[in-house]
Amino acid sequence: MTPVPGPVAVTGLGLFTPAGDGAAATWDRVLKAVPTAVVTPVPVPRDPVPYDPARPAPTAAVTRAAPAAEASPATGAHERAYLTCPAPPFAPERLGTARYRRPDLSGQFALLAAVEAVRDAGFAVDPATLSAGWDEERAAVLVGSGAGCVTAYDTHHRKLRAGGPDAVSPYAVPTTLPNSLAAQLSIALRAGGPSAMVGTACAAGATALCVAADMIRLGRCDTAVVVGTEAPLNAFHLAGFDRIGALSHRLDDPSGASRPFDSGRDGFVAAEGAGALVLERVEHAAARGARAHALLLGHGSSSDAYNAVRPRDDGHGVAAAVRAALADSGLAAADIGYVNAHATGTPLGDAAEARVLARLLPHRPPVSSTKGVTGHLFGAAGTVEAALTALAVAHRVAPPTANLTHPSPDIDLDLPTAPRALPTGPGQAALSVSVGFGGHNTVLVLAPAQDSPSWL
C-alpha cells in the first residue's frame, strides 16, 4: 500500500483512571476539577485479581482497599504512607476469558480501557472472549508502559522467595515479560496485525501513539488500538520516586497535593490506570461510517540527551519535540488553541515546560494539566491525556487545572482554573505534551473532526 501522509482519525476512546471508570466519567470529573488523591499505607504488595479456575470468579466488584501493615522479620514493621491516586474497583467478569490467562494488574487496566475504546469506535466486541469484529490481519496493537508488569513480578517473586523454585507458577514468565501487555491485548481482541510494547517512561503512551500513527500512514495496518497502562502503586516504585524527591509530601491535604503550575507544588502524586485510543486511516473510518472524535494531525519526539531524571532548565528537548510536531502536522504555532501540558507538579519540570510553551506559543493559548485531578499515570499519562485532549477539541472546551490557587510567579501562561470555551475557526488544534525520565519528549497535535464522513 502506498504511504498516506496526513491526519489519522481517532475513532475510539477508552479510559480507566482514578477520575472514573470510563471516558465519560473521567472527562466529567476532570471538568469539575475534583482531585482523586488519597493517603495509602504501603508496602503490602497487591496481587492481581485472583483467577483460580477451580472456583467461580466473584461477581462483586473487586475492592483494592488501602493495605494493612506488613512486618519484616529482620526490621519489624516498616509501613509508610504515600499519596496515591488509585484506580476504581471493577468486576473480574469484565475481563472475559482473558482473566484465566492471569494478566498483570496493568494488563487488566489495559483490557478495560481497550474494550471501551474498540466498542466506542463502532466495532463489535464479544463480552466473553473480548474478540473484536474486524479484519484481524489489518488491526494492530501498541502498548506503552513505564513500569510494565510489576504486580505480577512482585507476586511471583514473593512465591519464589517463600517457597523456592517449586512454588513458582508456570504463569510466572509469560505474565511478567513486558511484551505480555501487548500480547494479552492482541490475543483477547484477535488483532492479528503488528503488536509491540513501547517503553519511554512517562512518555510511553504518547510514543505508542506516534508509532501507531506512522504504521497507519505507511499502510502497515488500517486500525490500531493504542493503550498506555500502568500499575506502579507498589513499595518499590513509590519508595524509589520518593528517594529522588519527586513525590508530594502534602499528607495532611491529600486532595490538594497534586497542584501543577502552583507556587505551592512540591512533587507529583503517583497514579494507576489506563487510557486507550483507536486510530484508523481516515478513508477506512469513512468507508464504514465511523464517527471521529478528533484527528491526529502529527507528532514530534526528541531526547534531552542530558540527565536520567532532571529536565534541562531551558527545555531544549521539549521545544524540539513541539517544533517537530508542528512541522509534521503542517501547522504554525498560531494554529494551536489549547495545550494539555505534561506538568506533574514538580518544581523543576513544570517551570522548564512552561518556559518552552511561553516562548514557542507567544499568542498565549490556554494551557492546563489534568494531573491535578488524575495524578501522574506515568506511562499511561500520554494516552489518557491524548484522549482528554481529543475530548477538549471535540467539545471545544479547555479543562481546568485543579488546585491552582496561587500560580507560580515565574510561569507566564494562560492557566484556566475553570472550564474555558474554545473558539471555533482558526487556531482549533491542540497539543498534548508528554515527558519521561531519561529525557524522552513526545508532542501530539490533535484537531476537531466532524461527526460524519464529510470530514474527509
Protein backbone atom coordinates (compact mmCIF):
# COMPACT_ATOMS: atom_id res chain seq x y z
CA MET A 1 0.00 0.00 0.00
CA THR A 2 1.26 3.50 -0.85
CA PRO A 3 2.18 5.58 2.21
CA VAL A 4 -0.56 8.07 3.12
CA PRO A 5 0.75 11.25 4.73
CA GLY A 6 -1.60 13.43 6.68
CA PRO A 7 -4.06 13.02 9.54
CA VAL A 8 -5.18 9.86 11.28
CA ALA A 9 -8.71 9.52 12.65
CA VAL A 10 -9.30 8.96 16.38
CA THR A 11 -12.47 6.89 16.32
CA GLY A 12 -12.48 5.29 19.76
CA LEU A 13 -11.68 6.41 23.31
CA GLY A 14 -11.46 4.35 26.49
CA LEU A 15 -10.39 5.49 29.95
CA PHE A 16 -10.00 3.62 33.21
CA THR A 17 -8.45 6.17 35.57
CA PRO A 18 -8.57 7.38 39.16
CA ALA A 19 -11.05 10.00 37.89
CA GLY A 20 -13.54 7.41 36.71
CA ASP A 21 -14.41 4.09 35.14
CA GLY A 22 -14.94 5.09 31.53
CA ALA A 23 -14.23 8.07 29.30
CA ALA A 24 -17.42 9.93 30.21
CA ALA A 25 -16.84 9.60 33.96
CA THR A 26 -13.20 10.65 33.70
CA TRP A 27 -13.99 13.64 31.48
CA ASP A 28 -16.76 14.79 33.82
CA ARG A 29 -14.52 14.74 36.89
CA VAL A 30 -11.67 16.44 35.04
CA LEU A 31 -14.01 19.27 34.00
CA LYS A 32 -15.21 19.60 37.61
CA ALA A 33 -11.57 19.69 38.80
CA VAL A 34 -12.22 17.20 41.62
CA PRO A 35 -8.89 15.64 42.74
CA THR A 36 -8.54 11.92 43.41
CA ALA A 37 -5.51 11.68 45.70
CA VAL A 38 -5.72 9.73 48.96
CA VAL A 39 -3.24 8.64 51.65
CA THR A 40 -2.27 4.99 51.18
CA PRO A 41 -0.20 2.86 53.58
CA VAL A 42 2.42 0.85 51.72
CA PRO A 43 4.29 -1.56 51.18
CA VAL A 44 1.97 -4.57 51.33
CA PRO A 45 2.04 -5.87 47.73
CA ARG A 46 -1.25 -6.16 45.88
CA ASP A 47 -1.81 -9.32 43.91
CA PRO A 48 -3.69 -9.12 40.64
CA VAL A 49 -7.37 -10.14 40.75
CA PRO A 50 -7.38 -13.85 41.72
CA TYR A 51 -8.21 -16.28 38.91
CA ASP A 52 -8.49 -19.75 40.37
CA PRO A 53 -10.12 -21.87 37.62
CA ALA A 54 -11.35 -24.28 40.29
CA ARG A 55 -13.77 -21.73 41.69
CA PRO A 56 -16.10 -19.23 40.04
CA ALA A 57 -14.88 -15.68 39.68
CA PRO A 58 -16.51 -13.37 42.23
CA THR A 59 -19.47 -11.38 40.97
CA ALA A 60 -18.97 -8.40 43.24
CA ALA A 61 -16.68 -5.57 42.28
CA VAL A 62 -13.12 -6.11 43.37
CA THR A 63 -12.16 -3.58 46.01
CA ARG A 64 -8.49 -2.89 46.47
CA ALA A 65 -8.50 -1.13 49.81
CA ALA A 66 -5.52 0.50 51.45
CA PRO A 67 -3.33 -2.38 52.62
CA ALA A 68 -2.56 -3.13 56.23
CA ALA A 69 0.92 -3.03 57.70
CA GLU A 70 3.38 -5.79 56.88
CA ALA A 71 6.24 -6.74 59.16
CA SER A 72 9.69 -7.76 58.05
CA PRO A 73 11.35 -10.49 60.11
CA ALA A 74 14.57 -8.53 60.02
CA THR A 75 13.39 -4.98 60.65
CA GLY A 76 9.88 -5.26 62.09
CA ALA A 77 7.00 -3.12 60.86
CA HIS A 78 8.05 -0.79 58.07
CA GLU A 79 4.80 0.58 56.73
CA ARG A 80 4.95 4.07 55.23
CA ALA A 81 2.16 6.26 53.94
CA TYR A 82 2.25 7.77 50.47
CA LEU A 83 -0.12 9.89 48.45
CA THR A 84 -1.62 7.94 45.55
CA CYS A 85 -4.44 8.15 43.03
CA PRO A 86 -5.81 4.58 42.84
CA ALA A 87 -7.95 3.22 40.03
CA PRO A 88 -11.59 2.32 40.73
CA PRO A 89 -12.76 -1.22 41.59
CA PHE A 90 -14.17 -3.42 38.86
CA ALA A 91 -15.83 -6.80 38.37
CA PRO A 92 -13.48 -9.52 37.05
CA GLU A 93 -16.11 -10.71 34.58
CA ARG A 94 -15.41 -7.62 32.51
CA LEU A 95 -12.07 -9.17 31.56
CA GLY A 96 -13.86 -12.05 29.82
CA THR A 97 -11.93 -15.26 29.36
CA ALA A 98 -8.69 -13.25 29.40
CA ARG A 99 -8.82 -13.42 33.19
CA TYR A 100 -7.85 -17.09 33.06
CA ARG A 101 -4.54 -16.08 31.48
CA ARG A 102 -3.77 -14.21 34.71
CA PRO A 103 -2.85 -10.82 33.28
CA ASP A 104 -0.88 -8.41 35.40
CA LEU A 105 -2.88 -5.61 37.02
CA SER A 106 -1.65 -3.17 34.38
CA GLY A 107 -2.79 -5.69 31.78
CA GLN A 108 -6.23 -5.75 33.38
CA PHE A 109 -6.44 -1.96 33.22
CA ALA A 110 -5.34 -2.10 29.58
CA LEU A 111 -8.08 -4.60 28.71
CA LEU A 112 -10.78 -2.48 30.34
CA ALA A 113 -9.73 0.70 28.52
CA ALA A 114 -9.15 -1.06 25.20
CA VAL A 115 -12.55 -2.78 25.16
CA GLU A 116 -14.29 0.54 25.81
CA ALA A 117 -12.30 2.23 23.03
CA VAL A 118 -12.94 -0.54 20.49
CA ARG A 119 -16.66 -0.51 21.22
CA ASP A 120 -16.68 3.27 21.09
CA ALA A 121 -15.12 3.05 17.62
CA GLY A 122 -18.10 1.00 16.47
CA PHE A 123 -16.60 -2.48 16.40
CA ALA A 124 -18.49 -5.37 17.96
CA VAL A 125 -16.73 -6.93 20.96
CA ASP A 126 -17.71 -10.36 22.25
CA PRO A 127 -18.37 -9.96 26.00
CA ALA A 128 -16.89 -13.36 26.85
CA THR A 129 -13.80 -13.56 24.67
CA LEU A 130 -13.35 -9.79 24.03
CA SER A 131 -12.62 -10.57 20.38
CA ALA A 132 -13.46 -7.69 18.03
CA GLY A 133 -15.33 -7.91 14.76
CA TRP A 134 -12.79 -6.52 12.31
CA ASP A 135 -10.25 -7.52 9.68
CA GLU A 136 -7.85 -9.23 12.08
CA GLU A 137 -4.73 -9.01 9.94
CA ARG A 138 -5.17 -5.26 9.45
CA ALA A 139 -5.59 -4.48 13.17
CA ALA A 140 -2.51 -3.56 15.22
CA VAL A 141 -1.92 -3.21 18.96
CA LEU A 142 0.60 -0.81 20.52
CA VAL A 143 1.03 -0.57 24.29
CA GLY A 144 3.06 1.95 26.25
CA SER A 145 4.08 1.43 29.87
CA GLY A 146 6.84 2.76 32.07
CA ALA A 147 6.96 0.14 34.82
CA GLY A 148 5.49 -2.83 32.97
CA CYS A 149 4.15 -5.93 34.69
CA VAL A 150 5.25 -5.08 38.21
CA THR A 151 2.32 -6.53 40.15
CA ALA A 152 2.75 -9.95 38.52
CA TYR A 153 6.50 -9.80 39.07
CA ASP A 154 6.02 -8.93 42.76
CA THR A 155 3.58 -11.81 43.21
CA HIS A 156 5.76 -14.47 41.58
CA HIS A 157 8.96 -13.23 43.20
CA ARG A 158 7.40 -13.42 46.66
CA LYS A 159 6.31 -17.01 45.96
CA LEU A 160 9.84 -17.88 44.86
CA ARG A 161 11.38 -16.42 48.00
CA ALA A 162 8.81 -18.03 50.28
CA GLY A 163 8.58 -21.49 48.74
CA GLY A 164 11.58 -21.96 46.49
CA PRO A 165 11.67 -22.88 42.78
CA ASP A 166 8.88 -25.46 43.03
CA ALA A 167 6.48 -22.73 44.21
CA VAL A 168 6.91 -20.71 41.04
CA SER A 169 3.84 -20.69 38.83
CA PRO A 170 4.06 -21.70 35.17
CA TYR A 171 2.44 -18.32 34.51
CA ALA A 172 5.44 -16.51 36.03
CA VAL A 173 7.36 -15.80 32.83
CA PRO A 174 4.51 -15.18 30.37
CA THR A 175 2.78 -12.74 32.74
CA THR A 176 5.89 -10.73 33.65
CA LEU A 177 7.59 -10.24 30.29
CA PRO A 178 7.00 -6.61 29.20
CA ASN A 179 5.58 -7.70 25.85
CA SER A 180 2.81 -9.61 27.61
CA LEU A 181 0.81 -6.38 27.85
CA ALA A 182 0.61 -6.13 24.06
CA ALA A 183 0.31 -9.90 23.66
CA GLN A 184 -2.65 -10.16 26.06
CA LEU A 185 -4.47 -7.43 24.16
CA SER A 186 -3.79 -8.86 20.72
CA ILE A 187 -4.94 -12.32 21.86
CA ALA A 188 -8.10 -11.04 23.53
CA LEU A 189 -9.10 -8.64 20.75
CA ARG A 190 -7.96 -11.03 17.99
CA ALA A 191 -5.84 -8.33 16.45
CA GLY A 192 -3.52 -10.19 14.07
CA GLY A 193 -1.56 -7.24 12.75
CA PRO A 194 1.66 -5.89 14.28
CA SER A 195 1.79 -5.65 18.07
CA ALA A 196 4.51 -4.17 20.21
CA MET A 197 5.38 -2.77 23.60
CA VAL A 198 6.85 0.73 23.89
CA GLY A 199 8.86 1.84 26.91
CA THR A 200 9.80 5.52 27.12
CA ALA A 201 8.96 6.01 30.80
CA CYS A 202 6.27 8.65 31.34
CA ALA A 203 6.10 9.39 27.61
CA ALA A 204 5.40 5.74 26.70
CA GLY A 205 1.70 6.07 25.94
CA ALA A 206 2.30 9.09 23.71
CA THR A 207 5.21 7.37 21.96
CA ALA A 208 2.98 4.37 21.27
CA LEU A 209 0.52 6.73 19.56
CA CYS A 210 3.34 8.08 17.39
CA VAL A 211 4.37 4.58 16.34
CA ALA A 212 0.78 3.61 15.58
CA ALA A 213 0.13 6.75 13.54
CA ASP A 214 3.24 6.11 11.46
CA MET A 215 2.23 2.49 10.90
CA ILE A 216 -1.15 3.64 9.61
CA ARG A 217 0.43 6.29 7.41
CA LEU A 218 2.80 3.69 5.96
CA GLY A 219 -0.08 1.32 5.23
CA ARG A 220 1.05 -1.34 7.73
CA CYS A 221 -2.46 -1.51 9.17
CA ASP A 222 -5.91 0.06 8.85
CA THR A 223 -6.73 0.17 12.55
CA ALA A 224 -4.56 0.43 15.65
CA VAL A 225 -5.55 0.04 19.28
CA VAL A 226 -3.13 2.12 21.33
CA VAL A 227 -3.07 1.74 25.11
CA GLY A 228 -0.99 3.32 27.83
CA THR A 229 -1.25 1.43 31.10
CA GLU A 230 0.39 1.50 34.50
CA ALA A 231 0.03 -0.10 37.94
CA PRO A 232 3.00 1.37 39.85
CA LEU A 233 1.48 1.81 43.32
CA ASN A 234 3.87 -0.64 44.94
CA ALA A 235 6.52 -0.30 47.62
CA PHE A 236 9.46 -0.34 45.21
CA HIS A 237 8.32 2.39 42.85
CA LEU A 238 6.83 4.65 45.49
CA ALA A 239 9.97 4.43 47.63
CA GLY A 240 12.18 4.95 44.60
CA PHE A 241 10.35 8.05 43.38
CA ASP A 242 10.32 9.37 46.93
CA ARG A 243 14.08 8.92 47.24
CA ILE A 244 14.53 11.02 44.11
CA GLY A 245 12.45 13.72 45.76
CA ALA A 246 9.73 13.55 43.10
CA LEU A 247 6.66 12.84 45.27
CA SER A 248 4.41 15.31 47.05
CA HIS A 249 4.53 15.13 50.85
CA ARG A 250 1.29 17.04 51.43
CA LEU A 251 -0.08 14.15 53.52
CA ASP A 252 -2.24 16.48 55.61
CA ASP A 253 -4.04 17.71 52.49
CA PRO A 254 -4.34 14.79 50.02
CA SER A 255 -6.89 16.42 47.75
CA GLY A 256 -4.64 19.46 47.40
CA ALA A 257 -1.41 17.54 46.85
CA SER A 258 -1.30 17.40 43.05
CA ARG A 259 -1.01 21.06 42.05
CA PRO A 260 0.63 21.61 38.65
CA PHE A 261 1.95 25.13 37.97
CA ASP A 262 1.05 26.25 41.50
CA SER A 263 3.57 28.09 43.65
CA GLY A 264 2.96 25.53 46.42
CA ARG A 265 3.71 22.46 44.30
CA ASP A 266 6.10 20.00 45.94
CA GLY A 267 6.02 16.93 43.68
CA PHE A 268 3.63 14.63 41.90
CA VAL A 269 1.08 12.09 43.16
CA ALA A 270 1.53 8.60 41.70
CA ALA A 271 -1.49 7.14 39.92
CA GLU A 272 -2.58 3.97 38.16
CA GLY A 273 -4.94 3.17 35.31
CA ALA A 274 -5.07 3.10 31.52
CA GLY A 275 -6.10 5.11 28.50
CA ALA A 276 -6.86 3.72 25.04
CA LEU A 277 -7.41 5.25 21.62
CA VAL A 278 -8.43 3.59 18.38
CA LEU A 279 -6.65 5.12 15.39
CA GLU A 280 -7.71 4.49 11.79
CA ARG A 281 -6.91 5.56 8.29
CA VAL A 282 -9.31 8.38 7.51
CA GLU A 283 -10.57 6.56 4.40
CA HIS A 284 -11.06 3.33 6.34
CA ALA A 285 -13.10 5.06 9.04
CA ALA A 286 -15.20 6.92 6.49
CA ALA A 287 -15.88 3.75 4.48
CA ARG A 288 -17.51 2.08 7.47
CA GLY A 289 -19.37 5.25 8.51
CA ALA A 290 -17.42 5.69 11.73
CA ARG A 291 -17.54 8.83 13.80
CA ALA A 292 -14.25 10.53 14.60
CA HIS A 293 -13.69 12.25 17.92
CA ALA A 294 -10.67 14.07 16.57
CA LEU A 295 -7.86 13.92 14.05
CA LEU A 296 -4.27 13.20 15.00
CA LEU A 297 -2.55 15.62 12.64
CA GLY A 298 1.05 14.93 13.54
CA HIS A 299 3.60 14.27 16.25
CA GLY A 300 7.16 15.04 17.25
CA SER A 301 9.69 13.37 19.55
CA SER A 302 13.13 14.21 20.90
CA SER A 303 15.63 13.30 23.59
CA ASP A 304 17.20 15.70 26.06
CA ALA A 305 20.45 13.69 25.98
CA TYR A 306 21.16 15.33 29.30
CA ASN A 307 20.22 13.58 32.57
CA ALA A 308 18.47 10.42 33.75
CA VAL A 309 15.87 12.25 35.84
CA ARG A 310 16.45 16.02 35.76
CA PRO A 311 14.96 18.09 32.92
CA ARG A 312 17.05 20.63 31.07
CA ASP A 313 16.37 24.07 32.52
CA ASP A 314 15.99 25.55 29.05
CA GLY A 315 13.58 22.81 27.95
CA HIS A 316 15.53 22.32 24.73
CA GLY A 317 14.23 18.78 24.14
CA VAL A 318 10.59 19.71 24.74
CA ALA A 319 10.97 22.65 22.37
CA ALA A 320 12.43 20.39 19.68
CA ALA A 321 9.50 17.99 20.03
CA VAL A 322 6.97 20.84 19.76
CA ARG A 323 8.62 22.18 16.62
CA ALA A 324 8.78 18.69 15.10
CA ALA A 325 5.10 18.07 15.86
CA LEU A 326 4.07 21.36 14.24
CA ALA A 327 6.17 20.60 11.18
CA ASP A 328 4.73 17.10 10.87
CA SER A 329 1.18 18.44 11.08
CA GLY A 330 1.84 21.32 8.67
CA LEU A 331 0.71 23.89 11.22
CA ALA A 332 2.13 27.11 12.57
CA ALA A 333 2.33 27.94 16.26
CA ALA A 334 -0.61 30.33 15.87
CA ASP A 335 -2.84 27.39 14.88
CA ILE A 336 -2.64 25.98 18.42
CA GLY A 337 -5.63 26.93 20.53
CA TYR A 338 -5.08 24.70 23.57
CA VAL A 339 -2.28 22.78 25.28
CA ASN A 340 -2.62 19.80 27.60
CA ALA A 341 0.70 20.12 29.40
CA HIS A 342 2.75 17.32 30.93
CA ALA A 343 3.14 19.38 34.14
CA THR A 344 3.24 16.87 37.00
CA GLY A 345 3.60 19.31 39.89
CA THR A 346 7.38 19.13 40.32
CA PRO A 347 9.12 22.50 40.77
CA LEU A 348 11.76 21.99 38.05
CA GLY A 349 9.70 20.14 35.46
CA ASP A 350 6.72 22.49 35.43
CA ALA A 351 8.92 25.56 35.18
CA ALA A 352 11.02 24.20 32.30
CA GLU A 353 7.96 23.14 30.30
CA ALA A 354 6.22 26.47 30.94
CA ARG A 355 9.20 28.43 29.62
CA VAL A 356 9.10 26.44 26.38
CA LEU A 357 5.36 26.91 25.88
CA ALA A 358 5.57 30.64 26.60
CA ARG A 359 8.43 31.05 24.15
CA LEU A 360 7.02 28.96 21.29
CA LEU A 361 3.36 29.98 21.68
CA PRO A 362 3.50 33.76 22.25
CA HIS A 363 -0.20 34.15 21.38
CA ARG A 364 -0.90 32.54 24.80
CA PRO A 365 -3.41 29.75 24.19
CA PRO A 366 -4.96 28.26 27.35
CA VAL A 367 -2.74 25.64 29.00
CA SER A 368 -3.87 23.13 31.59
CA SER A 369 -2.63 19.99 33.30
CA THR A 370 -5.25 17.35 34.05
CA LYS A 371 -2.85 15.70 36.52
CA GLY A 372 -4.32 17.93 39.22
CA VAL A 373 -7.26 15.53 39.10
CA THR A 374 -5.83 12.21 37.90
CA GLY A 375 -2.37 12.33 39.45
CA HIS A 376 0.60 11.16 37.39
CA LEU A 377 -0.20 7.97 35.49
CA PHE A 378 3.41 7.55 34.29
CA GLY A 379 3.42 5.52 31.06
CA ALA A 380 -0.38 5.75 30.81
CA ALA A 381 -0.36 9.54 31.05
CA GLY A 382 0.29 10.03 27.33
CA THR A 383 -2.78 8.12 26.16
CA VAL A 384 -5.03 9.34 28.97
CA GLU A 385 -4.12 12.94 28.21
CA ALA A 386 -4.32 12.44 24.44
CA ALA A 387 -7.87 11.15 24.96
CA LEU A 388 -8.70 14.14 27.16
CA THR A 389 -7.22 16.46 24.54
CA ALA A 390 -9.33 14.78 21.86
CA LEU A 391 -12.40 15.41 24.02
CA ALA A 392 -11.31 19.01 24.58
CA VAL A 393 -11.14 19.77 20.85
CA ALA A 394 -14.32 17.79 20.16
CA HIS A 395 -16.33 19.66 22.80
CA ARG A 396 -14.46 22.96 22.26
CA VAL A 397 -13.64 23.32 25.94
CA ALA A 398 -10.33 23.52 27.76
CA PRO A 399 -10.38 21.62 31.07
CA PRO A 400 -9.08 23.44 34.14
CA THR A 401 -6.04 22.70 36.28
CA ALA A 402 -7.18 21.56 39.72
CA ASN A 403 -5.58 23.03 42.87
CA LEU A 404 -4.17 26.04 41.01
CA THR A 405 -4.82 28.55 43.77
CA HIS A 406 -1.60 30.58 43.55
CA PRO A 407 0.02 30.32 40.10
CA SER A 408 3.78 30.29 40.29
CA PRO A 409 5.01 33.83 39.58
CA ASP A 410 7.75 32.55 37.25
CA ILE A 411 5.22 30.81 34.96
CA ASP A 412 3.86 33.10 32.24
CA LEU A 413 0.98 31.10 30.78
CA ASP A 414 -2.80 31.44 30.46
CA LEU A 415 -3.89 28.84 33.04
CA PRO A 416 -7.66 28.27 33.28
CA THR A 417 -8.99 27.34 36.71
CA ALA A 418 -12.47 26.63 35.34
CA PRO A 419 -13.63 25.07 32.06
CA ARG A 420 -12.88 27.51 29.24
CA ALA A 421 -14.84 27.58 25.97
CA LEU A 422 -12.52 27.33 22.98
CA PRO A 423 -13.26 29.41 19.89
CA THR A 424 -14.17 27.93 16.54
CA GLY A 425 -12.38 28.80 13.34
CA PRO A 426 -8.58 29.23 13.05
CA GLY A 427 -6.49 28.04 15.96
CA GLN A 428 -8.52 24.92 16.64
CA ALA A 429 -5.66 22.44 17.02
CA ALA A 430 -4.25 21.35 20.38
CA LEU A 431 -1.00 19.97 21.71
CA SER A 432 -0.64 17.11 24.18
CA VAL A 433 2.83 17.13 25.76
CA SER A 434 4.49 14.14 27.43
CA VAL A 435 7.92 13.95 29.07
CA GLY A 436 9.64 10.88 30.51
CA PHE A 437 12.60 10.12 32.74
CA GLY A 438 15.69 9.70 30.63
CA GLY A 439 14.83 12.79 28.60
CA HIS A 440 12.07 11.36 26.37
CA ASN A 441 9.82 14.08 24.92
CA THR A 442 6.72 13.48 22.79
CA VAL A 443 4.19 16.00 21.49
CA LEU A 444 0.94 15.17 19.71
CA VAL A 445 -1.16 17.53 17.58
CA LEU A 446 -4.91 16.91 17.62
CA ALA A 447 -7.71 18.81 15.90
CA PRO A 448 -11.51 18.60 15.76
CA ALA A 449 -13.26 16.23 13.39
CA GLN A 450 -16.86 16.32 12.21
CA ASP A 451 -19.31 13.61 13.25
CA SER A 452 -19.90 12.44 9.69
CA PRO A 453 -17.72 11.20 6.84
CA SER A 454 -17.78 14.74 5.45
CA TRP A 455 -14.60 15.46 7.41
CA LEU A 456 -12.74 13.76 4.57
